[in-house]
Protein backbone atom coordinates (compact mmCIF):
# COMPACT_ATOMS: atom_id res chain seq x y z
CA MET A 1 68.57 -55.59 53.38
CA PRO A 2 72.06 -55.05 51.97
CA VAL A 3 75.13 -56.85 53.22
CA ASN A 4 76.93 -54.61 55.70
CA GLY A 5 78.97 -54.59 58.89
CA ARG A 6 76.05 -55.88 60.95
CA SER A 7 75.41 -58.88 58.69
CA HIS A 8 75.77 -62.10 60.66
CA ILE A 9 78.71 -64.35 59.72
CA ARG A 10 78.76 -68.14 60.03
CA VAL A 11 82.10 -69.96 59.96
CA ALA A 12 81.34 -73.56 58.95
CA ARG A 13 83.76 -76.47 59.35
CA PRO A 14 83.65 -80.25 59.39
CA SER A 15 84.37 -82.02 62.65
CA ARG A 16 85.47 -85.56 63.48
CA ASP A 17 83.89 -85.47 66.93
CA LEU A 18 81.25 -82.91 67.87
CA ALA A 19 81.39 -83.81 71.57
CA ALA A 20 85.14 -83.10 71.67
CA ALA A 21 84.61 -79.88 69.73
CA GLU A 22 81.89 -78.78 72.14
CA ARG A 23 84.16 -79.43 75.13
CA PHE A 24 86.82 -77.18 73.58
CA TRP A 25 84.66 -74.34 72.25
CA ALA A 26 81.99 -74.26 74.97
CA GLY A 27 83.81 -75.65 78.01
CA GLY A 28 87.21 -74.15 77.18
CA LEU A 29 86.44 -70.86 75.44
CA GLY A 30 82.99 -70.23 76.89
CA LEU A 31 80.89 -70.15 73.74
CA SER A 32 77.22 -71.05 74.11
CA VAL A 33 75.47 -73.73 72.11
CA VAL A 34 73.29 -71.72 69.74
CA TRP A 35 71.78 -74.71 67.94
CA ARG A 36 72.18 -78.46 67.91
CA ALA A 37 70.64 -80.99 65.55
CA GLU A 38 71.12 -84.71 65.26
CA GLY A 39 70.75 -86.23 61.82
CA GLY A 40 70.33 -89.85 60.94
CA THR A 41 72.74 -92.42 59.62
CA GLU A 42 71.69 -92.12 55.96
CA PRO A 43 73.90 -90.32 53.41
CA GLY A 44 73.23 -86.59 53.41
CA GLU A 45 72.00 -86.56 57.01
CA HIS A 46 74.34 -84.85 59.43
CA ASP A 47 74.80 -83.80 63.02
CA LEU A 48 75.19 -80.09 63.56
CA LEU A 49 76.57 -77.97 66.38
CA MET A 50 76.46 -74.16 66.29
CA LEU A 51 78.35 -72.19 68.95
CA GLY A 52 78.70 -68.50 69.66
CA TRP A 53 78.20 -65.69 72.11
CA PRO A 54 74.65 -64.35 72.32
CA ASP A 55 75.73 -60.77 71.52
CA ALA A 56 78.13 -61.67 68.68
CA ASP A 57 77.51 -61.09 64.97
CA TRP A 58 79.09 -64.44 64.13
CA HIS A 59 78.86 -68.06 65.11
CA LEU A 60 80.79 -71.25 64.48
CA GLU A 61 79.03 -74.17 62.78
CA LEU A 62 80.51 -77.64 63.14
CA VAL A 63 79.09 -80.49 61.11
CA HIS A 64 79.58 -84.25 61.05
CA GLU A 65 77.95 -86.67 58.61
CA PRO A 66 78.22 -90.18 60.09
CA ALA A 67 77.52 -91.95 56.78
CA ASN A 68 80.09 -89.94 54.84
CA PRO A 69 82.40 -88.06 57.24
CA VAL A 70 84.49 -85.25 55.82
CA GLU A 71 88.00 -85.25 57.25
CA PRO A 72 88.96 -81.75 58.46
CA ARG A 73 91.96 -80.41 56.49
CA PRO A 74 93.14 -77.35 58.39
CA THR A 75 96.43 -75.67 57.57
CA GLU A 76 98.69 -73.58 59.80
CA GLU A 77 97.06 -70.49 58.33
CA ASP A 78 93.40 -71.45 58.94
CA LEU A 79 92.92 -69.13 61.89
CA LEU A 80 90.01 -67.89 63.92
CA VAL A 81 91.46 -64.81 65.65
CA ILE A 82 89.82 -63.27 68.68
CA TYR A 83 91.21 -59.89 69.76
CA VAL A 84 91.03 -59.77 73.56
CA ASP A 85 92.39 -56.20 73.92
CA GLY A 86 94.77 -57.03 76.75
CA PRO A 87 96.89 -59.85 78.11
CA VAL A 88 95.62 -63.33 77.28
CA PRO A 89 94.58 -64.83 80.62
CA ASP A 90 96.69 -67.85 81.60
CA GLY A 91 93.57 -69.46 83.05
CA LEU A 92 91.79 -69.23 79.69
CA VAL A 93 94.70 -70.92 77.90
CA ALA A 94 94.87 -73.62 80.60
CA GLY A 95 91.13 -74.18 80.31
CA LEU A 96 91.36 -74.58 76.54
CA GLU A 97 94.15 -77.12 76.99
CA GLU A 98 92.17 -78.96 79.67
CA HIS A 99 89.23 -79.14 77.27
CA GLY A 100 91.13 -80.75 74.42
CA GLY A 101 93.16 -77.91 72.91
CA LYS A 102 96.85 -77.99 72.16
CA ARG A 103 99.03 -74.87 72.35
CA VAL A 104 101.19 -74.56 69.24
CA SER A 105 103.69 -72.15 67.78
CA SER A 106 102.59 -70.20 64.74
CA PRO A 107 104.70 -70.07 61.56
CA ASN A 108 103.85 -66.35 61.52
CA PRO A 109 105.98 -64.63 64.21
CA TYR A 110 103.32 -61.91 64.55
CA TRP A 111 100.93 -64.32 66.27
CA ASN A 112 103.67 -65.63 68.56
CA GLN A 113 104.55 -62.08 69.61
CA TRP A 114 101.00 -60.81 70.08
CA GLY A 115 99.02 -63.84 71.12
CA VAL A 116 98.56 -67.48 71.88
CA THR A 117 97.70 -70.08 69.24
CA ILE A 118 95.74 -73.18 70.22
CA GLU A 119 94.60 -76.05 68.00
CA ASP A 120 91.10 -77.35 68.55
CA PRO A 121 90.43 -81.12 68.54
CA ASP A 122 90.04 -81.04 64.72
CA GLY A 123 93.34 -79.21 64.20
CA TYR A 124 91.88 -75.77 63.40
CA ARG A 125 93.69 -72.91 65.05
CA LEU A 126 92.31 -70.36 67.46
CA VAL A 127 94.48 -67.30 68.10
CA LEU A 128 93.83 -65.21 71.18
CA CYS A 129 95.46 -61.90 70.32
CA GLU A 130 96.25 -59.41 73.07
CA ARG A 131 95.82 -56.50 70.70
CA ALA A 132 92.61 -54.66 69.96
CA TRP A 133 91.07 -54.36 66.51
CA SER A 134 88.70 -51.98 64.82
CA ASN A 135 87.84 -51.67 61.15
CA GLY A 136 86.96 -48.00 61.70
């Protein structure tokens, strides 16, 4: 099968604390746990948390290796943007903050005008954009 617009996408990132990440992404944003695996304490063994929406063509993979943790190194431009096609609900933003997120200003004025930027517990940025998007 060729790669096309229906090919599933996995966004993989290291995490310092998978429990904190799960609180933010599942409890705050409402993603479901798609897969969870606990590794051991030996080098190369890792804990894994995959989150997504059941009907989405993407999911987020968070990984932590206790024996050799990788420190997340997000920048201000490492963004996961979700187009909500309408006003960003205040309750959603509050829930993300209550679940470990931190609302921040973006260095790109576009995101400040059209959305809300929130850092997850590892410092990666989620943008909830009030605009709609289509590649068509």
